Amino acid sequence: MLNLSSKVTKKLLGYFFLHEDESLYFNEIVRRLGEDKRNLAKKIKEFELVGLLSVETKGPLNIYSVNKDLISNLSLGCGVN
């Protein structure tokens, strides 16, 4: 279960939901959010496991983005078009 009250969680969710069309490498996320790498790595892994973030591997790098399928399902389930 996600702890939605942590500062890192709020910043990460806020960033990706405000920039839902962006895909970022891990170090880009660290730079943009200005948070500790270890904390961000742990939260990103949690988000990936519950399906909030999608990950695409390009060579040695992972690129993270909002899971658009999940957003679509949430929108449909809430009656939002």
PDB file of N, CA and C in Angstrom:
ATOM      1  N   MET A   1       0.839  -1.185   0.000  1.00  0.00           N
ATOM      2  CA  MET A   1       0.000   0.000   0.000  1.00  0.00           C
ATOM      3  C   MET A   1       0.885   1.251   0.000  1.00  0.00           C
ATOM      4  N   LEU A   2       0.480   2.238  -0.746  1.00  0.00           N
ATOM      5  CA  LEU A   2       1.240   3.478  -0.834  1.00  0.00           C
ATOM      6  C   LEU A   2       0.954   4.393   0.346  1.00  0.00           C
ATOM      7  N   ASN A   3       2.005   5.022   0.849  1.00  0.00           N
ATOM      8  CA  ASN A   3       1.853   6.058   1.853  1.00  0.00           C
ATOM      9  C   ASN A   3       1.696   7.373   1.106  1.00  0.00           C
ATOM     10  N   LEU A   4       0.480   7.856   0.999  1.00  0.00           N
ATOM     11  CA  LEU A   4       0.216   9.061   0.221  1.00  0.00           C
ATOM     12  C   LEU A   4       0.502  10.346   0.988  1.00  0.00           C
ATOM     13  N   SER A   5       0.913  10.233   2.233  1.00  0.00           N
ATOM     14  CA  SER A   5       1.162  11.432   3.022  1.00  0.00           C
ATOM     15  C   SER A   5       2.620  11.900   2.988  1.00  0.00           C
ATOM     16  N   SER A   6       3.518  11.096   2.411  1.00  0.00           N
ATOM     17  CA  SER A   6       4.924  11.503   2.392  1.00  0.00           C
ATOM     18  C   SER A   6       5.166  12.614   1.373  1.00  0.00           C
ATOM     19  N   LYS A   7       6.137  13.462   1.685  1.00  0.00           N
ATOM     20  CA  LYS A   7       6.486  14.592   0.824  1.00  0.00           C
ATOM     21  C   LYS A   7       6.931  14.112  -0.563  1.00  0.00           C
ATOM     22  N   VAL A   8       7.730  13.066  -0.597  1.00  0.00           N
ATOM     23  CA  VAL A   8       8.239  12.544  -1.872  1.00  0.00           C
ATOM     24  C   VAL A   8       7.090  12.015  -2.728  1.00  0.00           C
ATOM     25  N   THR A   9       6.161  11.302  -2.099  1.00  0.00           N
ATOM     26  CA  THR A   9       5.006  10.764  -2.823  1.00  0.00           C
ATOM     27  C   THR A   9       4.187  11.893  -3.430  1.00  0.00           C
ATOM     28  N   LYS A  10       3.917  12.910  -2.642  1.00  0.00           N
ATOM     29  CA  LYS A  10       3.120  14.043  -3.131  1.00  0.00           C
ATOM     30  C   LYS A  10       3.808  14.752  -4.289  1.00  0.00           C
ATOM     31  N   LYS A  11       5.117  14.978  -4.162  1.00  0.00           N
ATOM     32  CA  LYS A  11       5.847  15.654  -5.240  1.00  0.00           C
ATOM     33  C   LYS A  11       5.863  14.817  -6.516  1.00  0.00           C
ATOM     34  N   LEU A  12       6.097  13.530  -6.357  1.00  0.00           N
ATOM     35  CA  LEU A  12       6.168  12.639  -7.515  1.00  0.00           C
ATOM     36  C   LEU A  12       4.821  12.531  -8.219  1.00  0.00           C
ATOM     37  N   LEU A  13       3.760  12.302  -7.447  1.00  0.00           N
ATOM     38  CA  LEU A  13       2.421  12.231  -8.030  1.00  0.00           C
ATOM     39  C   LEU A  13       2.040  13.556  -8.676  1.00  0.00           C
ATOM     40  N   GLY A  14       2.280  14.633  -7.955  1.00  0.00           N
ATOM     41  CA  GLY A  14       1.951  15.954  -8.486  1.00  0.00           C
ATOM     42  C   GLY A  14       2.651  16.236  -9.797  1.00  0.00           C
ATOM     43  N   TYR A  15       3.949  15.938  -9.846  1.00  0.00           N
ATOM     44  CA  TYR A  15       4.702  16.210 -11.067  1.00  0.00           C
ATOM     45  C   TYR A  15       4.160  15.402 -12.248  1.00  0.00           C
ATOM     46  N   PHE A  16       4.019  14.099 -12.053  1.00  0.00           N
ATOM     47  CA  PHE A  16       3.611  13.263 -13.178  1.00  0.00           C
ATOM     48  C   PHE A  16       2.170  13.504 -13.611  1.00  0.00           C
ATOM     49  N   PHE A  17       1.291  13.862 -12.695  1.00  0.00           N
ATOM     50  CA  PHE A  17      -0.082  14.126 -13.103  1.00  0.00           C
ATOM     51  C   PHE A  17      -0.241  15.501 -13.728  1.00  0.00           C
ATOM     52  N   LEU A  18       0.634  16.434 -13.396  1.00  0.00           N
ATOM     53  CA  LEU A  18       0.609  17.733 -14.064  1.00  0.00           C
ATOM     54  C   LEU A  18       1.335  17.704 -15.407  1.00  0.00           C
ATOM     55  N   HIS A  19       2.227  16.730 -15.582  1.00  0.00           N
ATOM     56  CA  HIS A  19       3.001  16.591 -16.820  1.00  0.00           C
ATOM     57  C   HIS A  19       2.807  15.172 -17.358  1.00  0.00           C
ATOM     58  N   GLU A  20       1.564  14.779 -17.537  1.00  0.00           N
ATOM     59  CA  GLU A  20       1.273  13.381 -17.860  1.00  0.00           C
ATOM     60  C   GLU A  20       1.800  12.923 -19.221  1.00  0.00           C
ATOM     61  N   ASP A  21       2.173  13.837 -20.091  1.00  0.00           N
ATOM     62  CA  ASP A  21       2.709  13.443 -21.392  1.00  0.00           C
ATOM     63  C   ASP A  21       4.230  13.321 -21.395  1.00  0.00           C
ATOM     64  N   GLU A  22       4.863  13.609 -20.272  1.00  0.00           N
ATOM     65  CA  GLU A  22       6.324  13.530 -20.193  1.00  0.00           C
ATOM     66  C   GLU A  22       6.799  12.138 -19.825  1.00  0.00           C
ATOM     67  N   SER A  23       7.935  11.788 -20.367  1.00  0.00           N
ATOM     68  CA  SER A  23       8.646  10.564 -20.010  1.00  0.00           C
ATOM     69  C   SER A  23      10.047  10.982 -19.594  1.00  0.00           C
ATOM     70  N   LEU A  24      10.476  10.517 -18.420  1.00  0.00           N
ATOM     71  CA  LEU A  24      11.743  10.991 -17.870  1.00  0.00           C
ATOM     72  C   LEU A  24      12.637   9.845 -17.418  1.00  0.00           C
ATOM     73  N   TYR A  25      13.944  10.050 -17.584  1.00  0.00           N
ATOM     74  CA  TYR A  25      14.924   9.147 -16.994  1.00  0.00           C
ATOM     75  C   TYR A  25      14.973   9.418 -15.495  1.00  0.00           C
ATOM     76  N   PHE A  26      15.457   8.454 -14.744  1.00  0.00           N
ATOM     77  CA  PHE A  26      15.507   8.581 -13.291  1.00  0.00           C
ATOM     78  C   PHE A  26      16.250   9.849 -12.858  1.00  0.00           C
ATOM     79  N   ASN A  27      17.409  10.098 -13.426  1.00  0.00           N
ATOM     80  CA  ASN A  27      18.190  11.275 -13.008  1.00  0.00           C
ATOM     81  C   ASN A  27      17.493  12.587 -13.358  1.00  0.00           C
ATOM     82  N   GLU A  28      16.674  12.587 -14.408  1.00  0.00           N
ATOM     83  CA  GLU A  28      15.888  13.783 -14.726  1.00  0.00           C
ATOM     84  C   GLU A  28      14.834  14.029 -13.644  1.00  0.00           C
ATOM     85  N   ILE A  29      14.238  12.957 -13.162  1.00  0.00           N
ATOM     86  CA  ILE A  29      13.256  13.081 -12.090  1.00  0.00           C
ATOM     87  C   ILE A  29      13.922  13.646 -10.838  1.00  0.00           C
ATOM     88  N   VAL A  30      15.095  13.127 -10.512  1.00  0.00           N
ATOM     89  CA  VAL A  30      15.837  13.598  -9.336  1.00  0.00           C
ATOM     90  C   VAL A  30      16.118  15.095  -9.463  1.00  0.00           C
ATOM     91  N   ARG A  31      16.590  15.527 -10.620  1.00  0.00           N
ATOM     92  CA  ARG A  31      16.906  16.946 -10.832  1.00  0.00           C
ATOM     93  C   ARG A  31      15.658  17.822 -10.719  1.00  0.00           C
ATOM     94  N   ARG A  32      14.577  17.396 -11.354  1.00  0.00           N
ATOM     95  CA  ARG A  32      13.372  18.230 -11.370  1.00  0.00           C
ATOM     96  C   ARG A  32      12.696  18.327 -10.004  1.00  0.00           C
ATOM     97  N   LEU A  33      12.737  17.250  -9.244  1.00  0.00           N
ATOM     98  CA  LEU A  33      12.060  17.256  -7.945  1.00  0.00           C
ATOM     99  C   LEU A  33      12.971  17.672  -6.799  1.00  0.00           C
ATOM    100  N   GLY A  34      14.286  17.561  -6.988  1.00  0.00           N
ATOM    101  CA  GLY A  34      15.226  17.964  -5.955  1.00  0.00           C
ATOM    102  C   GLY A  34      15.134  17.132  -4.685  1.00  0.00           C
ATOM    103  N   GLU A  35      14.824  15.867  -4.835  1.00  0.00           N
ATOM    104  CA  GLU A  35      14.709  14.965  -3.684  1.00  0.00           C
ATOM    105  C   GLU A  35      15.845  13.952  -3.693  1.00  0.00           C
ATOM    106  N   ASP A  36      16.022  13.292  -2.563  1.00  0.00           N
ATOM    107  CA  ASP A  36      17.051  12.274  -2.396  1.00  0.00           C
ATOM    108  C   ASP A  36      16.824  11.104  -3.365  1.00  0.00           C
ATOM    109  N   LYS A  37      17.901  10.675  -4.010  1.00  0.00           N
ATOM    110  CA  LYS A  37      17.812   9.588  -4.999  1.00  0.00           C
ATOM    111  C   LYS A  37      17.245   8.303  -4.412  1.00  0.00           C
ATOM    112  N   ARG A  38      17.671   7.961  -3.202  1.00  0.00           N
ATOM    113  CA  ARG A  38      17.213   6.704  -2.595  1.00  0.00           C
ATOM    114  C   ARG A  38      15.717   6.728  -2.333  1.00  0.00           C
ATOM    115  N   ASN A  39      15.223   7.850  -1.804  1.00  0.00           N
ATOM    116  CA  ASN A  39      13.795   7.964  -1.542  1.00  0.00           C
ATOM    117  C   ASN A  39      12.982   7.916  -2.828  1.00  0.00           C
ATOM    118  N   LEU A  40      13.461   8.629  -3.848  1.00  0.00           N
ATOM    119  CA  LEU A  40      12.756   8.619  -5.134  1.00  0.00           C
ATOM    120  C   LEU A  40      12.772   7.238  -5.767  1.00  0.00           C
ATOM    121  N   ALA A  41      13.904   6.560  -5.703  1.00  0.00           N
ATOM    122  CA  ALA A  41      13.995   5.220  -6.289  1.00  0.00           C
ATOM    123  C   ALA A  41      12.991   4.274  -5.632  1.00  0.00           C
ATOM    124  N   LYS A  42      12.868   4.380  -4.320  1.00  0.00           N
ATOM    125  CA  LYS A  42      11.932   3.523  -3.591  1.00  0.00           C
ATOM    126  C   LYS A  42      10.483   3.839  -3.979  1.00  0.00           C
ATOM    127  N   LYS A  43      10.135   5.102  -4.053  1.00  0.00           N
ATOM    128  CA  LYS A  43       8.770   5.507  -4.411  1.00  0.00           C
ATOM    129  C   LYS A  43       8.446   5.149  -5.854  1.00  0.00           C
ATOM    130  N   ILE A  44       9.393   5.359  -6.754  1.00  0.00           N
ATOM    131  CA  ILE A  44       9.154   5.022  -8.159  1.00  0.00           C
ATOM    132  C   ILE A  44       8.898   3.527  -8.296  1.00  0.00           C
ATOM    133  N   LYS A  45       9.651   2.721  -7.584  1.00  0.00           N
ATOM    134  CA  LYS A  45       9.451   1.267  -7.624  1.00  0.00           C
ATOM    135  C   LYS A  45       8.055   0.907  -7.097  1.00  0.00           C
ATOM    136  N   GLU A  46       7.640   1.544  -6.003  1.00  0.00           N
ATOM    137  CA  GLU A  46       6.296   1.314  -5.462  1.00  0.00           C
ATOM    138  C   GLU A  46       5.227   1.701  -6.481  1.00  0.00           C
ATOM    139  N   PHE A  47       5.394   2.860  -7.112  1.00  0.00           N
ATOM    140  CA  PHE A  47       4.424   3.326  -8.103  1.00  0.00           C
ATOM    141  C   PHE A  47       4.363   2.377  -9.294  1.00  0.00           C
ATOM    142  N   GLU A  48       5.511   1.873  -9.675  1.00  0.00           N
ATOM    143  CA  GLU A  48       5.573   0.918 -10.784  1.00  0.00           C
ATOM    144  C   GLU A  48       4.843  -0.380 -10.417  1.00  0.00           C
ATOM    145  N   LEU A  49       5.052  -0.857  -9.203  1.00  0.00           N
ATOM    146  CA  LEU A  49       4.426  -2.111  -8.763  1.00  0.00           C
ATOM    147  C   LEU A  49       2.909  -2.018  -8.680  1.00  0.00           C
ATOM    148  N   VAL A  50       2.370  -0.856  -8.299  1.00  0.00           N
ATOM    149  CA  VAL A  50       0.917  -0.701  -8.218  1.00  0.00           C
ATOM    150  C   VAL A  50       0.306  -0.212  -9.526  1.00  0.00           C
ATOM    151  N   GLY A  51       1.147   0.065 -10.529  1.00  0.00           N
ATOM    152  CA  GLY A  51       0.648   0.421 -11.850  1.00  0.00           C
ATOM    153  C   GLY A  51       0.462   1.899 -12.112  1.00  0.00           C
ATOM    154  N   LEU A  52       0.930   2.776 -11.232  1.00  0.00           N
ATOM    155  CA  LEU A  52       0.804   4.212 -11.476  1.00  0.00           C
ATOM    156  C   LEU A  52       1.783   4.708 -12.535  1.00  0.00           C
ATOM    157  N   LEU A  53       2.975   4.127 -12.551  1.00  0.00           N
ATOM    158  CA  LEU A  53       3.982   4.520 -13.536  1.00  0.00           C
ATOM    159  C   LEU A  53       4.290   3.358 -14.470  1.00  0.00           C
ATOM    160  N   SER A  54       4.527   3.706 -15.705  1.00  0.00           N
ATOM    161  CA  SER A  54       5.007   2.738 -16.693  1.00  0.00           C
ATOM    162  C   SER A  54       6.501   2.938 -16.845  1.00  0.00           C
ATOM    163  N   VAL A  55       7.194   1.868 -17.158  1.00  0.00           N
ATOM    164  CA  VAL A  55       8.632   1.967 -17.365  1.00  0.00           C
ATOM    165  C   VAL A  55       8.979   1.351 -18.712  1.00  0.00           C
ATOM    166  N   GLU A  56       9.832   2.051 -19.433  1.00  0.00           N
ATOM    167  CA  GLU A  56      10.336   1.565 -20.718  1.00  0.00           C
ATOM    168  C   GLU A  56      11.853   1.546 -20.603  1.00  0.00           C
ATOM    169  N   THR A  57      12.453   0.446 -20.991  1.00  0.00           N
ATOM    170  CA  THR A  57      13.907   0.330 -20.914  1.00  0.00           C
ATOM    171  C   THR A  57      14.523   0.637 -22.264  1.00  0.00           C
ATOM    172  N   LYS A  58      15.471   1.568 -22.266  1.00  0.00           N
ATOM    173  CA  LYS A  58      16.239   1.901 -23.468  1.00  0.00           C
ATOM    174  C   LYS A  58      17.704   1.736 -23.110  1.00  0.00           C
ATOM    175  N   GLY A  59      18.277   0.641 -23.557  1.00  0.00           N
ATOM    176  CA  GLY A  59      19.660   0.346 -23.194  1.00  0.00           C
ATOM    177  C   GLY A  59      19.741   0.165 -21.683  1.00  0.00           C
ATOM    178  N   PRO A  60      20.683   0.837 -21.043  1.00  0.00           N
ATOM    179  CA  PRO A  60      20.829   0.688 -19.588  1.00  0.00           C
ATOM    180  C   PRO A  60      19.884   1.594 -18.784  1.00  0.00           C
ATOM    181  N   LEU A  61      19.085   2.422 -19.470  1.00  0.00           N
ATOM    182  CA  LEU A  61      18.262   3.412 -18.785  1.00  0.00           C
ATOM    183  C   LEU A  61      16.789   3.035 -18.765  1.00  0.00           C
ATOM    184  N   ASN A  62      16.119   3.386 -17.680  1.00  0.00           N
ATOM    185  CA  ASN A  62      14.677   3.235 -17.580  1.00  0.00           C
ATOM    186  C   ASN A  62      14.038   4.603 -17.762  1.00  0.00           C
ATOM    187  N   ILE A  63      12.965   4.637 -18.546  1.00  0.00           N
ATOM    188  CA  ILE A  63      12.226   5.867 -18.782  1.00  0.00           C
ATOM    189  C   ILE A  63      10.855   5.691 -18.140  1.00  0.00           C
ATOM    190  N   TYR A  64      10.484   6.643 -17.275  1.00  0.00           N
ATOM    191  CA  TYR A  64       9.244   6.544 -16.517  1.00  0.00           C
ATOM    192  C   TYR A  64       8.213   7.538 -17.030  1.00  0.00           C
ATOM    193  N   SER A  65       6.967   7.100 -17.025  1.00  0.00           N
ATOM    194  CA  SER A  65       5.852   7.959 -17.400  1.00  0.00           C
ATOM    195  C   SER A  65       4.599   7.480 -16.688  1.00  0.00           C
ATOM    196  N   VAL A  66       3.560   8.321 -16.703  1.00  0.00           N
ATOM    197  CA  VAL A  66       2.287   7.945 -16.107  1.00  0.00           C
ATOM    198  C   VAL A  66       1.695   6.801 -16.917  1.00  0.00           C
ATOM    199  N   ASN A  67       1.127   5.829 -16.228  1.00  0.00           N
ATOM    200  CA  ASN A  67       0.451   4.718 -16.883  1.00  0.00           C
ATOM    201  C   ASN A  67      -0.881   5.246 -17.420  1.00  0.00           C
ATOM    202  N   LYS A  68      -0.921   5.545 -18.702  1.00  0.00           N
ATOM    203  CA  LYS A  68      -2.100   6.149 -19.316  1.00  0.00           C
ATOM    204  C   LYS A  68      -3.318   5.220 -19.297  1.00  0.00           C
ATOM    205  N   ASP A  69      -3.094   3.913 -19.320  1.00  0.00           N
ATOM    206  CA  ASP A  69      -4.205   2.970 -19.228  1.00  0.00           C
ATOM    207  C   ASP A  69      -4.913   3.108 -17.883  1.00  0.00           C
ATOM    208  N   LEU A  70      -4.145   3.269 -16.834  1.00  0.00           N
ATOM    209  CA  LEU A  70      -4.725   3.438 -15.503  1.00  0.00           C
ATOM    210  C   LEU A  70      -5.519   4.735 -15.425  1.00  0.00           C
ATOM    211  N   ILE A  71      -4.974   5.803 -15.979  1.00  0.00           N
ATOM    212  CA  ILE A  71      -5.657   7.099 -15.962  1.00  0.00           C
ATOM    213  C   ILE A  71      -6.975   6.996 -16.717  1.00  0.00           C
ATOM    214  N   SER A  72      -6.972   6.336 -17.862  1.00  0.00           N
ATOM    215  CA  SER A  72      -8.189   6.153 -18.638  1.00  0.00           C
ATOM    216  C   SER A  72      -9.225   5.382 -17.842  1.00  0.00           C
ATOM    217  N   ASN A  73      -8.804   4.315 -17.187  1.00  0.00           N
ATOM    218  CA  ASN A  73      -9.734   3.507 -16.399  1.00  0.00           C
ATOM    219  C   ASN A  73     -10.283   4.303 -15.217  1.00  0.00           C
ATOM    220  N   LEU A  74      -9.441   5.098 -14.572  1.00  0.00           N
ATOM    221  CA  LEU A  74      -9.923   5.931 -13.453  1.00  0.00           C
ATOM    222  C   LEU A  74     -10.935   6.953 -13.943  1.00  0.00           C
ATOM    223  N   SER A  75     -10.654   7.555 -15.089  1.00  0.00           N
ATOM    224  CA  SER A  75     -11.565   8.563 -15.645  1.00  0.00           C
ATOM    225  C   SER A  75     -12.901   7.937 -15.999  1.00  0.00           C
ATOM    226  N   LEU A  76     -12.875   6.762 -16.610  1.00  0.00           N
ATOM    227  CA  LEU A  76     -14.118   6.087 -16.981  1.00  0.00           C
ATOM    228  C   LEU A  76     -14.899   5.663 -15.758  1.00  0.00           C
ATOM    229  N   GLY A  77     -14.210   5.214 -14.740  1.00  0.00           N
ATOM    230  CA  GLY A  77     -14.874   4.766 -13.525  1.00  0.00           C
ATOM    231  C   GLY A  77     -15.486   5.890 -12.719  1.00  0.00           C
ATOM    232  N   CYS A  78     -14.973   7.096 -12.890  1.00  0.00           N
ATOM    233  CA  CYS A  78     -15.490   8.251 -12.124  1.00  0.00           C
ATOM    234  C   CYS A  78     -16.533   9.045 -12.905  1.00  0.00           C
ATOM    235  N   GLY A  79     -16.828   8.619 -14.110  1.00  0.00           N
ATOM    236  CA  GLY A  79     -17.793   9.351 -14.925  1.00  0.00           C
ATOM    237  C   GLY A  79     -17.234  10.609 -15.534  1.00  0.00           C
ATOM    238  N   VAL A  80     -15.911  10.738 -15.571  1.00  0.00           N
ATOM    239  CA  VAL A  80     -15.260  11.913 -16.151  1.00  0.00           C
ATOM    240  C   VAL A  80     -14.928  11.595 -17.600  1.00  0.00           C
ATOM    241  N   ASN A  81     -15.216  12.525 -18.481  1.00  0.00           N
ATOM    242  CA  ASN A  81     -14.913  12.315 -19.912  1.00  0.00           C
ATOM    243  C   ASN A  81     -13.882  13.281 -20.385  1.00  0.00           C
TER     244      ASN A  81
END
